[in-house]
Amino acid sequence: MSLTVIGNMRRASKKGISGNLRGEGRLLGGVFVIGPGKTGILFEHYENTFGDHANLDKLVETLKGAMPAKVEGVAKVDEVVEEASSEIENLTKQAAAAPAEERM
């Protein structure tokens, strides 16, 4: 086991992510964004080692660029993120304003 893998396992453990060492153990994952029609692959990331993550900023930008303005009533990614952020902010304010006994 490489030092990178051991470091990634420790990082996951500190975050409370558990797992086991059973199974294949040599299979690595990846992330792909495939465009519509014959567009092909818009984004790809192959894990080089366990715990290797895709660049989320590049992934989000790819998703934003890949989505048309409307997909049968579904807003663009940035609009959905903005709406979700506003909702989370509102719920946080409501929770902070509620009496302590209601928060339990």
C-alpha atoms as a PDB file:
ATOM      1  CA  MET A   1       0.000   0.000   0.000  1.00  0.00           C
ATOM      2  CA  SER A   2       1.438   3.399  -0.975  1.00  0.00           C
ATOM      3  CA  LEU A   3       1.845   6.348   1.380  1.00  0.00           C
ATOM      4  CA  THR A   4      -0.742   8.282  -0.675  1.00  0.00           C
ATOM      5  CA  VAL A   5      -3.339   5.559  -0.119  1.00  0.00           C
ATOM      6  CA  ILE A   6      -2.553   5.403   3.602  1.00  0.00           C
ATOM      7  CA  GLY A   7      -2.899   9.204   3.825  1.00  0.00           C
ATOM      8  CA  ASN A   8      -6.231   9.097   1.977  1.00  0.00           C
ATOM      9  CA  MET A   9      -7.472   6.363   4.315  1.00  0.00           C
ATOM     10  CA  ARG A  10      -6.514   8.450   7.363  1.00  0.00           C
ATOM     11  CA  ARG A  11      -8.221  11.537   5.917  1.00  0.00           C
ATOM     12  CA  ALA A  12     -11.423   9.561   5.298  1.00  0.00           C
ATOM     13  CA  SER A  13     -11.280   8.040   8.766  1.00  0.00           C
ATOM     14  CA  LYS A  14     -10.966  11.494  10.384  1.00  0.00           C
ATOM     15  CA  LYS A  15     -14.115  12.539   8.495  1.00  0.00           C
ATOM     16  CA  GLY A  16     -15.967   9.529   9.907  1.00  0.00           C
ATOM     17  CA  ILE A  17     -16.028   7.627   6.613  1.00  0.00           C
ATOM     18  CA  SER A  18     -15.638   3.947   7.303  1.00  0.00           C
ATOM     19  CA  GLY A  19     -15.053   1.045   5.009  1.00  0.00           C
ATOM     20  CA  ASN A  20     -13.528  -2.373   4.866  1.00  0.00           C
ATOM     21  CA  LEU A  21     -10.624  -3.914   3.059  1.00  0.00           C
ATOM     22  CA  ARG A  22     -12.641  -6.783   1.605  1.00  0.00           C
ATOM     23  CA  GLY A  23     -13.331  -7.226  -2.076  1.00  0.00           C
ATOM     24  CA  GLU A  24     -11.336  -6.660  -5.238  1.00  0.00           C
ATOM     25  CA  GLY A  25      -9.268  -3.795  -3.900  1.00  0.00           C
ATOM     26  CA  ARG A  26      -7.591  -2.939  -7.187  1.00  0.00           C
ATOM     27  CA  LEU A  27     -10.509  -1.281  -8.954  1.00  0.00           C
ATOM     28  CA  LEU A  28     -10.373   2.488  -9.231  1.00  0.00           C
ATOM     29  CA  GLY A  29     -13.269   4.775 -10.127  1.00  0.00           C
ATOM     30  CA  GLY A  30     -13.786   7.792 -12.263  1.00  0.00           C
ATOM     31  CA  VAL A  31     -16.187  10.558 -13.259  1.00  0.00           C
ATOM     32  CA  PHE A  32     -17.543  11.180 -16.742  1.00  0.00           C
ATOM     33  CA  VAL A  33     -19.856  13.818 -18.189  1.00  0.00           C
ATOM     34  CA  ILE A  34     -21.177  12.744 -21.551  1.00  0.00           C
ATOM     35  CA  GLY A  35     -22.802  15.365 -23.751  1.00  0.00           C
ATOM     36  CA  PRO A  36     -26.044  14.947 -25.667  1.00  0.00           C
ATOM     37  CA  GLY A  37     -26.205  13.260 -29.063  1.00  0.00           C
ATOM     38  CA  LYS A  38     -22.821  12.839 -30.709  1.00  0.00           C
ATOM     39  CA  THR A  39     -21.121  15.457 -28.518  1.00  0.00           C
ATOM     40  CA  GLY A  40     -19.049  12.823 -26.765  1.00  0.00           C
ATOM     41  CA  ILE A  41     -17.210  13.036 -23.461  1.00  0.00           C
ATOM     42  CA  LEU A  42     -17.154  16.566 -22.035  1.00  0.00           C
ATOM     43  CA  PHE A  43     -15.311  15.759 -18.811  1.00  0.00           C
ATOM     44  CA  GLU A  44     -13.374  12.758 -17.626  1.00  0.00           C
ATOM     45  CA  HIS A  45     -11.439  11.896 -14.510  1.00  0.00           C
ATOM     46  CA  TYR A  46      -9.789   8.566 -13.756  1.00  0.00           C
ATOM     47  CA  GLU A  47      -8.636   7.781 -10.242  1.00  0.00           C
ATOM     48  CA  ASN A  48      -4.869   7.330 -10.205  1.00  0.00           C
ATOM     49  CA  THR A  49      -4.958   6.006  -6.651  1.00  0.00           C
ATOM     50  CA  PHE A  50      -7.606   5.368  -4.014  1.00  0.00           C
ATOM     51  CA  GLY A  51      -9.105   8.616  -2.743  1.00  0.00           C
ATOM     52  CA  ASP A  52      -8.096  10.585  -5.831  1.00  0.00           C
ATOM     53  CA  HIS A  53     -10.915  13.072  -6.528  1.00  0.00           C
ATOM     54  CA  ALA A  54     -11.978  14.931  -9.644  1.00  0.00           C
ATOM     55  CA  ASN A  55     -11.504  18.710  -9.738  1.00  0.00           C
ATOM     56  CA  LEU A  56     -14.970  19.821  -8.602  1.00  0.00           C
ATOM     57  CA  ASP A  57     -14.629  23.361  -9.982  1.00  0.00           C
ATOM     58  CA  LYS A  58     -13.916  22.013 -13.474  1.00  0.00           C
ATOM     59  CA  LEU A  59     -16.705  19.448 -13.122  1.00  0.00           C
ATOM     60  CA  VAL A  60     -19.288  22.088 -12.130  1.00  0.00           C
ATOM     61  CA  GLU A  61     -18.183  24.391 -14.968  1.00  0.00           C
ATOM     62  CA  THR A  62     -18.535  21.510 -17.423  1.00  0.00           C
ATOM     63  CA  LEU A  63     -22.017  20.728 -16.125  1.00  0.00           C
ATOM     64  CA  LYS A  64     -23.065  24.370 -16.349  1.00  0.00           C
ATOM     65  CA  GLY A  65     -21.873  24.572 -19.935  1.00  0.00           C
ATOM     66  CA  ALA A  66     -23.452  21.267 -20.897  1.00  0.00           C
ATOM     67  CA  MET A  67     -26.979  22.047 -19.739  1.00  0.00           C
ATOM     68  CA  PRO A  68     -29.314  23.963 -22.032  1.00  0.00           C
ATOM     69  CA  ALA A  69     -31.229  26.907 -20.551  1.00  0.00           C
ATOM     70  CA  LYS A  70     -34.198  24.681 -19.805  1.00  0.00           C
ATOM     71  CA  VAL A  71     -34.533  20.917 -19.922  1.00  0.00           C
ATOM     72  CA  GLU A  72     -38.252  20.218 -19.750  1.00  0.00           C
ATOM     73  CA  GLY A  73     -38.758  22.596 -16.840  1.00  0.00           C
ATOM     74  CA  VAL A  74     -35.407  22.010 -15.105  1.00  0.00           C
ATOM     75  CA  ALA A  75     -33.364  25.183 -14.585  1.00  0.00           C
ATOM     76  CA  LYS A  76     -29.649  25.495 -15.285  1.00  0.00           C
ATOM     77  CA  VAL A  77     -27.282  24.193 -12.617  1.00  0.00           C
ATOM     78  CA  ASP A  78     -26.321  27.654 -11.318  1.00  0.00           C
ATOM     79  CA  GLU A  79     -29.996  28.589 -10.882  1.00  0.00           C
ATOM     80  CA  VAL A  80     -30.642  25.394  -8.924  1.00  0.00           C
ATOM     81  CA  VAL A  81     -27.584  26.002  -6.737  1.00  0.00           C
ATOM     82  CA  GLU A  82     -28.671  29.608  -6.076  1.00  0.00           C
ATOM     83  CA  GLU A  83     -32.196  28.510  -5.139  1.00  0.00           C
ATOM     84  CA  ALA A  84     -30.881  25.766  -2.842  1.00  0.00           C
ATOM     85  CA  SER A  85     -28.461  28.189  -1.172  1.00  0.00           C
ATOM     86  CA  SER A  86     -31.279  30.660  -0.499  1.00  0.00           C
ATOM     87  CA  GLU A  87     -33.448  27.916   0.952  1.00  0.00           C
ATOM     88  CA  ILE A  88     -30.646  26.711   3.231  1.00  0.00           C
ATOM     89  CA  GLU A  89     -30.038  30.283   4.413  1.00  0.00           C
ATOM     90  CA  ASN A  90     -33.753  30.749   5.183  1.00  0.00           C
ATOM     91  CA  LEU A  91     -33.959  27.464   7.092  1.00  0.00           C
ATOM     92  CA  THR A  92     -30.824  28.352   9.071  1.00  0.00           C
ATOM     93  CA  LYS A  93     -32.338  31.704  10.072  1.00  0.00           C
ATOM     94  CA  GLN A  94     -35.604  30.017  11.079  1.00  0.00           C
ATOM     95  CA  ALA A  95     -33.758  27.434  13.173  1.00  0.00           C
ATOM     96  CA  ALA A  96     -31.684  30.111  14.909  1.00  0.00           C
ATOM     97  CA  ALA A  97     -34.828  32.123  15.720  1.00  0.00           C
ATOM     98  CA  ALA A  98     -36.733  29.132  17.142  1.00  0.00           C
ATOM     99  CA  PRO A  99     -36.737  28.553  20.897  1.00  0.00           C
ATOM    100  CA  ALA A 100     -34.172  25.991  22.084  1.00  0.00           C
ATOM    101  CA  GLU A 101     -36.816  23.364  22.966  1.00  0.00           C
ATOM    102  CA  GLU A 102     -38.116  23.403  19.378  1.00  0.00           C
ATOM    103  CA  ARG A 103     -34.637  22.804  17.936  1.00  0.00           C
ATOM    104  CA  MET A 104     -34.269  19.404  19.601  1.00  0.00           C
END
